[in-house]
Amino acid sequence: MKITSYILFLLIFSINPLFAQNDKIIFLTNPSFEGIPKAGTVPEGWVDCGFPNESPADIQPNPSFGVDKKAAHGNTYLGMVVRDNDTWESIGQRLHHPLKVGKNYVIQLMLARSDVYYSYSRKSSNANTQVNYVTPTILRIWGGRRPCEKEELLAISQPITHEEWKAYQFKLSPEDFDYTFISFEAYYSGQYPLIGNLLIDDVSNIMLEGSAKKLLPSFKEGYDNYTLPPEAEKFYAKKESSLTSVSIVPPAPAPLEEEEENEEKSNAGEDQLRTFEDLQWVIKENGQKISFKKGKLEKGFYSYYGRTYFQNVYLHNIISALKIMPEYRISIAVHGDSAGAVKKKTKQLEKGFEELGLSTINYRFVEWPDVVRATEWVWPANINGLLIGLEKI
């Protein structure tokens, strides 16, 4: 009996240091992304945090994409892409111990880019043709309190341009809340949606900074956190929830009188944008608010379906509506104090259409009319130096 008790004491004593480190080390499940190489398959231990109706990240290397790079650790790794339809891939997992406010943590991972990553593009002129998702992207690491929630941007990398594996070490310092969920996402290295890929492998456990100096074999004093200038910080959305979200749909029908007390006012979805009248409402509500300052289109930062833009939000709303109903076209008449002013405003609008991906089929510029007839325009009077007409193509 005494021998058994002694052995039990030794076991508890030897294991105790591991328990003592639980508040210093946050262990990740499957940090090397091991699994059977397969497209649109999230490795075991991780969950898909991407967009609805879009494929999840991939377990690489996979010949169907043309990716043949050897893993930095183990046999497989994670491949994520950013697309030209304003969507990108992201994965995450719940943490067994939270990232706490006021604490400094360290995480290290291997990053690379593949020079070949063939897949289909919904915006391609030929949907059956594969395109190479080769543009450099960045890594964003998010903290959240619920699965796939992105409450605070904890770290961001520089654009990953290199094809060989390189170790990156990031400092994670939560400022707002204790986070029990972490997300990794590929994101655009520039303002406009381009197709690109990001490879991740061999992620370390998350450690308190003091512990990392002792336990992380390749610990380095400096960190690879990319410090954003103020204007870029707004674009990359340090706190996405702090940005204004926009809607492009007509208001939902009012509930019946007997239901008004018990039913919350619903938010309309884009599937409500169906008729000519709906589209006309969007153009009228937004078109009259488009403004210029010294001939330049006024712009600002806003969030739209998880993506951050620096553009005229009202122009974006009109373009988004026309993308949903591409069988219609707008005609724009521009007014100015001189021919030069008209030309400048027109070029600003053209640039906005191009940057936000509106097909030239869906818009045209026309001469300012001598007489403004209400039946020809969505609104009958000159309010902001613009008139917009709507017609079916």
Protein backbone atom coordinates (compact mmCIF):
# COMPACT_ATOMS: atom_id res chain seq x y z
CA MET A 1 0.00 0.00 0.00
CA LYS A 2 2.83 2.37 0.88
CA ILE A 3 4.62 1.53 -2.39
CA THR A 4 1.44 2.22 -4.41
CA SER A 5 0.97 5.60 -2.69
CA TYR A 6 4.60 6.49 -3.30
CA ILE A 7 4.34 5.68 -7.00
CA LEU A 8 1.13 7.72 -7.25
CA PHE A 9 2.89 10.66 -5.56
CA LEU A 10 5.76 10.47 -8.05
CA LEU A 11 3.35 10.41 -11.00
CA ILE A 12 1.47 13.47 -9.75
CA PHE A 13 4.70 15.29 -9.04
CA SER A 14 6.11 14.55 -12.51
CA ILE A 15 2.93 15.51 -14.35
CA ASN A 16 2.26 18.63 -12.29
CA PRO A 17 4.66 20.91 -14.28
CA LEU A 18 2.60 20.20 -17.42
CA PHE A 19 -0.55 21.36 -15.69
CA ALA A 20 1.31 24.40 -14.41
CA GLN A 21 2.01 25.40 -18.01
CA ASN A 22 -1.64 25.26 -19.08
CA ASP A 23 -2.02 28.99 -18.59
CA LYS A 24 1.21 29.60 -20.50
CA ILE A 25 0.74 27.31 -23.50
CA ILE A 26 -2.41 27.05 -25.62
CA PHE A 27 -2.24 23.79 -27.53
CA LEU A 28 -3.68 23.63 -31.06
CA THR A 29 -5.29 20.58 -32.64
CA ASN A 30 -3.56 19.33 -35.81
CA PRO A 31 -1.29 22.39 -36.17
CA SER A 32 0.49 20.76 -39.14
CA PHE A 33 -2.75 20.32 -41.13
CA GLU A 34 -2.22 16.60 -41.66
CA GLY A 35 -4.77 14.70 -43.71
CA ILE A 36 -5.49 13.18 -47.10
CA PRO A 37 -4.82 15.75 -49.86
CA LYS A 38 -8.20 16.85 -51.14
CA ALA A 39 -9.86 19.93 -52.62
CA GLY A 40 -12.34 21.84 -50.48
CA THR A 41 -11.57 19.80 -47.37
CA VAL A 42 -10.68 21.39 -44.02
CA PRO A 43 -8.09 19.36 -42.04
CA GLU A 44 -9.29 17.50 -38.95
CA GLY A 45 -9.40 19.73 -35.88
CA TRP A 46 -10.28 22.84 -37.88
CA VAL A 47 -13.56 24.31 -39.15
CA ASP A 48 -14.39 26.20 -42.32
CA CYS A 49 -14.86 29.94 -41.71
CA GLY A 50 -15.24 30.89 -45.35
CA PHE A 51 -18.21 32.26 -47.27
CA PRO A 52 -21.50 30.44 -47.83
CA ASN A 53 -21.78 28.75 -51.23
CA GLU A 54 -18.00 28.89 -51.67
CA SER A 55 -15.62 25.95 -51.35
CA PRO A 56 -13.53 25.59 -48.16
CA ALA A 57 -9.72 25.63 -48.01
CA ASP A 58 -7.73 22.66 -49.38
CA ILE A 59 -5.41 20.01 -47.98
CA GLN A 60 -2.31 20.22 -50.16
CA PRO A 61 -0.29 19.14 -52.13
CA ASN A 62 -2.94 18.21 -54.65
CA PRO A 63 -2.18 17.57 -58.34
CA SER A 64 -5.66 18.76 -59.36
CA PHE A 65 -4.46 22.29 -58.56
CA GLY A 66 -0.95 21.73 -59.90
CA VAL A 67 0.49 22.27 -56.41
CA ASP A 68 3.41 19.92 -55.75
CA LYS A 69 5.43 21.68 -53.03
CA LYS A 70 6.68 19.41 -50.25
CA ALA A 71 5.35 20.08 -46.78
CA ALA A 72 7.46 22.05 -44.34
CA HIS A 73 6.46 19.54 -41.67
CA GLY A 74 4.76 16.17 -41.96
CA ASN A 75 3.09 15.22 -45.22
CA THR A 76 0.44 17.85 -45.92
CA TYR A 77 -0.33 21.52 -45.39
CA LEU A 78 -3.12 24.06 -45.84
CA GLY A 79 -3.87 25.93 -49.05
CA MET A 80 -6.19 28.94 -49.10
CA VAL A 81 -7.18 31.28 -51.92
CA VAL A 82 -8.63 34.76 -52.42
CA ARG A 83 -11.07 35.12 -55.30
CA ASP A 84 -12.06 37.85 -57.74
CA ASN A 85 -15.69 37.82 -56.54
CA ASP A 86 -14.91 39.44 -53.17
CA THR A 87 -14.61 36.17 -51.24
CA TRP A 88 -11.68 34.45 -49.59
CA GLU A 89 -10.96 31.33 -47.55
CA SER A 90 -10.56 31.08 -43.80
CA ILE A 91 -10.34 28.35 -41.14
CA GLY A 92 -10.34 28.35 -37.36
CA GLN A 93 -10.63 26.33 -34.18
CA ARG A 94 -11.79 26.70 -30.60
CA LEU A 95 -9.02 27.21 -28.04
CA HIS A 96 -8.89 25.06 -24.90
CA HIS A 97 -7.64 28.11 -22.98
CA PRO A 98 -8.53 31.73 -23.89
CA LEU A 99 -6.25 34.44 -25.20
CA LYS A 100 -6.55 36.94 -22.37
CA VAL A 101 -6.72 40.72 -22.52
CA GLY A 102 -3.47 42.38 -21.48
CA LYS A 103 -1.35 39.30 -22.16
CA ASN A 104 1.26 39.01 -24.92
CA TYR A 105 1.29 35.72 -26.81
CA VAL A 106 3.55 34.35 -29.55
CA ILE A 107 2.66 32.07 -32.45
CA GLN A 108 4.97 30.85 -35.21
CA LEU A 109 4.04 29.30 -38.56
CA MET A 110 5.52 28.51 -41.95
CA LEU A 111 4.18 30.48 -44.90
CA ALA A 112 4.71 30.25 -48.65
CA ARG A 113 3.05 30.91 -52.00
CA SER A 114 2.70 28.43 -54.83
CA ASP A 115 3.56 29.62 -58.33
CA VAL A 116 0.88 27.24 -59.62
CA TYR A 117 -2.63 27.01 -58.14
CA TYR A 118 -5.16 26.32 -60.88
CA SER A 119 -8.88 26.52 -60.14
CA TYR A 120 -12.06 27.92 -61.66
CA SER A 121 -13.21 31.53 -61.46
CA ARG A 122 -16.86 32.51 -61.43
CA LYS A 123 -15.95 35.81 -63.07
CA SER A 124 -14.01 34.16 -65.89
CA SER A 125 -15.46 34.70 -69.35
CA ASN A 126 -15.35 30.92 -69.76
CA ALA A 127 -16.53 29.17 -66.61
CA ASN A 128 -15.00 25.89 -67.80
CA THR A 129 -11.49 27.33 -67.99
CA GLN A 130 -9.13 27.13 -65.02
CA VAL A 131 -7.11 30.19 -64.04
CA ASN A 132 -3.95 30.45 -61.98
CA TYR A 133 -4.54 31.84 -58.48
CA VAL A 134 -1.00 33.14 -58.18
CA THR A 135 -1.22 36.73 -56.84
CA PRO A 136 0.57 37.18 -53.47
CA THR A 137 -1.78 37.41 -50.50
CA ILE A 138 -1.50 38.23 -46.81
CA LEU A 139 -2.35 36.27 -43.67
CA ARG A 140 -4.74 37.73 -41.12
CA ILE A 141 -5.14 36.19 -37.65
CA TRP A 142 -8.40 36.97 -35.84
CA GLY A 143 -9.65 36.46 -32.30
CA GLY A 144 -13.29 35.80 -31.51
CA ARG A 145 -15.59 34.66 -28.73
CA ARG A 146 -17.68 32.40 -30.95
CA PRO A 147 -16.80 30.03 -33.80
CA CYS A 148 -15.48 31.90 -36.85
CA GLU A 149 -16.18 35.26 -35.23
CA LYS A 150 -13.74 38.02 -36.22
CA GLU A 151 -13.84 40.53 -33.40
CA GLU A 152 -10.24 41.67 -33.28
CA LEU A 153 -7.46 41.52 -35.83
CA LEU A 154 -4.56 40.17 -33.78
CA ALA A 155 -1.88 39.97 -36.48
CA ILE A 156 -1.34 40.64 -40.16
CA SER A 157 1.54 39.61 -42.40
CA GLN A 158 3.21 41.37 -45.26
CA PRO A 159 2.31 40.02 -48.73
CA ILE A 160 3.72 36.51 -49.06
CA THR A 161 5.63 36.65 -52.34
CA HIS A 162 8.17 33.84 -51.82
CA GLU A 163 7.69 30.25 -52.98
CA GLU A 164 9.99 28.65 -50.39
CA TRP A 165 8.80 28.00 -46.84
CA LYS A 166 9.72 30.73 -44.36
CA ALA A 167 9.06 30.92 -40.62
CA TYR A 168 6.94 33.87 -39.40
CA GLN A 169 6.57 34.81 -35.76
CA PHE A 170 3.63 36.94 -34.67
CA LYS A 171 2.79 38.64 -31.40
CA LEU A 172 -0.86 38.36 -30.35
CA SER A 173 -2.00 40.94 -27.80
CA PRO A 174 -5.80 41.00 -27.27
CA GLU A 175 -7.08 44.46 -26.34
CA ASP A 176 -10.86 44.14 -26.11
CA PHE A 177 -11.90 40.69 -24.87
CA ASP A 178 -10.66 37.25 -23.87
CA TYR A 179 -10.89 35.16 -27.05
CA THR A 180 -11.72 31.46 -27.18
CA PHE A 181 -11.60 31.12 -30.97
CA ILE A 182 -8.80 31.83 -33.43
CA SER A 183 -9.08 32.17 -37.23
CA PHE A 184 -6.50 32.18 -40.01
CA GLU A 185 -7.54 33.74 -43.31
CA ALA A 186 -5.99 34.57 -46.64
CA TYR A 187 -6.72 38.14 -47.71
CA TYR A 188 -5.97 40.55 -50.53
CA SER A 189 -2.56 42.20 -50.61
CA GLY A 190 -4.10 45.15 -52.49
CA GLN A 191 -7.37 47.02 -52.43
CA TYR A 192 -9.06 45.31 -55.35
CA PRO A 193 -10.05 41.65 -55.57
CA LEU A 194 -7.44 39.54 -57.34
CA ILE A 195 -6.95 35.77 -57.44
CA GLY A 196 -4.14 34.48 -55.23
CA ASN A 197 -3.06 31.72 -52.85
CA LEU A 198 -1.48 31.26 -49.43
CA LEU A 199 0.13 28.10 -48.02
CA ILE A 200 0.42 27.47 -44.24
CA ASP A 201 2.17 24.68 -42.35
CA ASP A 202 3.76 23.75 -39.02
CA VAL A 203 1.92 26.15 -36.71
CA SER A 204 3.35 26.28 -33.20
CA ASN A 205 1.31 26.18 -30.03
CA ILE A 206 0.39 29.63 -28.75
CA MET A 207 2.60 30.66 -25.83
CA LEU A 208 2.90 33.55 -23.46
CA GLU A 209 5.80 35.68 -24.54
CA GLY A 210 7.94 34.75 -21.53
CA SER A 211 7.39 31.05 -22.13
CA ALA A 212 8.04 31.33 -25.87
CA LYS A 213 11.52 32.68 -25.24
CA LYS A 214 12.32 29.47 -23.36
CA LEU A 215 10.21 26.85 -25.17
CA LEU A 216 10.13 27.93 -28.81
CA PRO A 217 13.38 26.58 -30.33
CA SER A 218 13.45 29.13 -33.14
CA PHE A 219 12.27 32.10 -31.07
CA LYS A 220 13.56 35.45 -32.28
CA GLU A 221 13.41 38.77 -30.49
CA GLY A 222 11.70 40.57 -33.37
CA TYR A 223 8.18 39.90 -34.70
CA ASP A 224 6.78 39.75 -38.21
CA ASN A 225 3.59 41.68 -37.42
CA TYR A 226 3.05 44.13 -40.25
CA THR A 227 2.36 47.62 -38.93
CA LEU A 228 -0.21 49.33 -41.12
CA PRO A 229 -0.21 53.03 -41.93
CA PRO A 230 -3.48 54.71 -40.85
CA GLU A 231 -5.07 54.65 -44.29
CA ALA A 232 -4.22 50.98 -44.81
CA GLU A 233 -5.41 50.10 -41.31
CA LYS A 234 -8.84 51.41 -42.24
CA PHE A 235 -8.85 49.31 -45.41
CA TYR A 236 -7.68 46.10 -43.73
CA ALA A 237 -10.24 46.68 -40.97
CA LYS A 238 -8.59 46.41 -37.57
CA LYS A 239 -12.08 46.05 -36.19
CA GLU A 240 -14.45 45.10 -38.99
CA SER A 241 -17.49 45.54 -36.76
CA SER A 242 -16.63 49.24 -36.36
CA LEU A 243 -17.12 49.93 -40.06
CA THR A 244 -20.45 50.90 -41.56
CA SER A 245 -22.23 48.00 -43.25
CA VAL A 246 -24.35 48.90 -46.26
CA SER A 247 -27.49 47.44 -47.74
CA ILE A 248 -28.65 47.69 -51.33
CA VAL A 249 -32.19 46.40 -51.06
CA PRO A 250 -35.59 48.09 -50.75
CA PRO A 251 -37.09 48.10 -47.26
CA ALA A 252 -38.94 44.95 -46.23
CA PRO A 253 -42.73 45.10 -46.28
CA ALA A 254 -44.22 46.26 -43.00
CA PRO A 255 -45.65 43.45 -40.80
CA LEU A 256 -49.39 43.11 -40.38
CA GLU A 257 -50.88 45.39 -37.71
CA GLU A 258 -51.75 42.54 -35.36
CA GLU A 259 -48.15 41.28 -35.53
CA GLU A 260 -46.41 44.59 -35.04
CA GLU A 261 -46.12 44.27 -31.27
CA ASN A 262 -44.66 40.78 -31.30
CA GLU A 263 -42.62 40.71 -34.49
CA GLU A 264 -39.25 42.43 -34.83
CA LYS A 265 -38.69 44.47 -37.95
CA SER A 266 -36.94 42.21 -40.44
CA ASN A 267 -33.88 43.04 -42.48
CA ALA A 268 -34.36 42.56 -46.17
CA GLY A 269 -32.08 40.15 -47.96
CA GLU A 270 -30.72 40.55 -51.45
CA ASP A 271 -33.24 38.02 -52.69
CA GLN A 272 -35.81 40.80 -52.25
CA LEU A 273 -34.22 42.69 -55.15
CA ARG A 274 -36.26 41.16 -57.97
CA THR A 275 -38.32 43.68 -59.92
CA PHE A 276 -37.74 46.76 -62.04
CA GLU A 277 -39.32 48.81 -59.25
CA ASP A 278 -36.89 47.37 -56.69
CA LEU A 279 -33.90 48.29 -58.83
CA GLN A 280 -35.35 51.72 -59.54
CA TRP A 281 -35.70 52.29 -55.78
CA VAL A 282 -32.02 51.42 -55.20
CA ILE A 283 -30.89 53.81 -57.94
CA LYS A 284 -33.11 56.63 -56.72
CA GLU A 285 -32.11 56.23 -53.05
CA ASN A 286 -28.39 56.07 -53.82
CA GLY A 287 -27.93 57.97 -57.06
CA GLN A 288 -29.04 61.29 -55.57
CA LYS A 289 -26.45 60.92 -52.80
CA ILE A 290 -23.42 60.50 -55.07
CA SER A 291 -21.31 63.61 -54.58
CA PHE A 292 -18.16 65.22 -55.92
CA LYS A 293 -15.67 67.52 -54.25
CA LYS A 294 -13.59 69.71 -56.56
CA GLY A 295 -14.52 67.39 -59.41
CA LYS A 296 -13.43 64.24 -57.55
CA LEU A 297 -15.81 61.51 -56.51
CA GLU A 298 -16.14 61.55 -52.71
CA LYS A 299 -15.07 58.25 -51.15
CA GLY A 300 -14.93 56.64 -47.74
CA PHE A 301 -14.35 53.32 -45.97
CA TYR A 302 -17.22 50.89 -45.49
CA SER A 303 -17.84 47.17 -45.09
CA TYR A 304 -19.80 45.09 -47.59
CA TYR A 305 -20.31 41.35 -46.96
CA GLY A 306 -17.17 41.12 -44.82
CA ARG A 307 -14.92 43.01 -47.24
CA THR A 308 -13.67 46.54 -46.67
CA TYR A 309 -13.79 49.11 -49.49
CA PHE A 310 -12.53 52.63 -50.03
CA GLN A 311 -14.99 53.92 -52.61
CA ASN A 312 -18.21 55.90 -52.95
CA VAL A 313 -20.66 53.71 -51.07
CA TYR A 314 -23.70 54.94 -53.03
CA LEU A 315 -22.08 54.14 -56.35
CA HIS A 316 -21.18 50.70 -54.96
CA ASN A 317 -24.81 50.10 -53.96
CA ILE A 318 -26.01 50.83 -57.49
CA ILE A 319 -23.33 48.63 -59.03
CA SER A 320 -24.11 45.76 -56.64
CA ALA A 321 -27.79 45.96 -57.55
CA LEU A 322 -27.01 45.91 -61.29
CA LYS A 323 -24.82 42.83 -60.78
CA ILE A 324 -27.80 41.07 -59.23
CA MET A 325 -30.05 42.18 -62.11
CA PRO A 326 -27.66 42.30 -65.11
CA GLU A 327 -30.51 42.42 -67.62
CA TYR A 328 -30.79 46.17 -66.93
CA ARG A 329 -28.60 49.12 -67.93
CA ILE A 330 -28.28 52.64 -66.56
CA SER A 331 -27.78 55.78 -68.65
CA ILE A 332 -25.85 58.57 -66.90
CA ALA A 333 -25.97 62.24 -67.83
CA VAL A 334 -23.34 64.44 -66.16
CA HIS A 335 -23.64 68.19 -65.69
CA GLY A 336 -20.84 70.66 -64.93
CA ASP A 337 -19.78 74.27 -65.18
CA SER A 338 -17.57 73.48 -68.16
CA ALA A 339 -16.79 70.72 -70.63
CA GLY A 340 -13.64 70.00 -68.61
CA ALA A 341 -15.63 69.58 -65.39
CA VAL A 342 -18.04 67.19 -67.11
CA LYS A 343 -15.13 65.16 -68.48
CA LYS A 344 -13.47 64.96 -65.07
CA LYS A 345 -16.64 63.76 -63.33
CA THR A 346 -17.30 61.24 -66.09
CA LYS A 347 -13.81 59.76 -65.75
CA GLN A 348 -14.25 59.51 -61.99
CA LEU A 349 -17.46 57.55 -62.44
CA GLU A 350 -15.91 55.35 -65.13
CA LYS A 351 -13.03 54.56 -62.79
CA GLY A 352 -15.47 53.65 -60.03
CA PHE A 353 -17.38 51.31 -62.34
CA GLU A 354 -14.13 49.66 -63.41
CA GLU A 355 -12.76 49.26 -59.87
CA LEU A 356 -15.98 47.69 -58.60
CA GLY A 357 -16.30 45.37 -61.58
CA LEU A 358 -19.41 46.60 -63.40
CA SER A 359 -19.65 45.35 -66.97
CA THR A 360 -19.69 48.03 -69.69
CA ILE A 361 -22.91 46.40 -70.90
CA ASN A 362 -24.68 47.70 -67.80
CA TYR A 363 -23.93 51.40 -68.13
CA ARG A 364 -23.47 54.16 -70.69
CA PHE A 365 -22.92 57.93 -70.63
CA VAL A 366 -25.25 60.25 -72.53
CA GLU A 367 -25.41 63.99 -73.21
CA TRP A 368 -27.11 66.24 -70.71
CA PRO A 369 -30.66 66.83 -72.07
CA ASP A 370 -31.98 70.25 -73.02
CA VAL A 371 -35.25 69.34 -71.30
CA VAL A 372 -35.42 66.94 -68.34
CA ARG A 373 -38.48 64.74 -68.79
CA ALA A 374 -39.55 62.82 -65.69
CA THR A 375 -40.41 59.69 -67.69
CA GLU A 376 -36.81 59.33 -68.94
CA TRP A 377 -35.02 59.47 -65.60
CA VAL A 378 -35.26 57.76 -62.24
CA TRP A 379 -35.57 61.19 -60.62
CA PRO A 380 -36.89 64.13 -62.62
CA ALA A 381 -34.73 67.05 -61.45
CA ASN A 382 -31.05 67.85 -61.35
CA ILE A 383 -30.00 67.38 -57.70
CA ASN A 384 -26.27 66.65 -57.74
CA GLY A 385 -25.24 67.22 -61.34
CA LEU A 386 -26.30 63.71 -62.30
CA LEU A 387 -29.29 62.14 -63.97
CA ILE A 388 -29.70 58.38 -64.22
CA GLY A 389 -32.07 56.49 -66.47
CA LEU A 390 -32.88 52.77 -66.27
CA GLU A 391 -33.80 50.43 -69.10
CA LYS A 392 -33.89 46.76 -69.89
CA ILE A 393 -31.13 45.65 -72.26
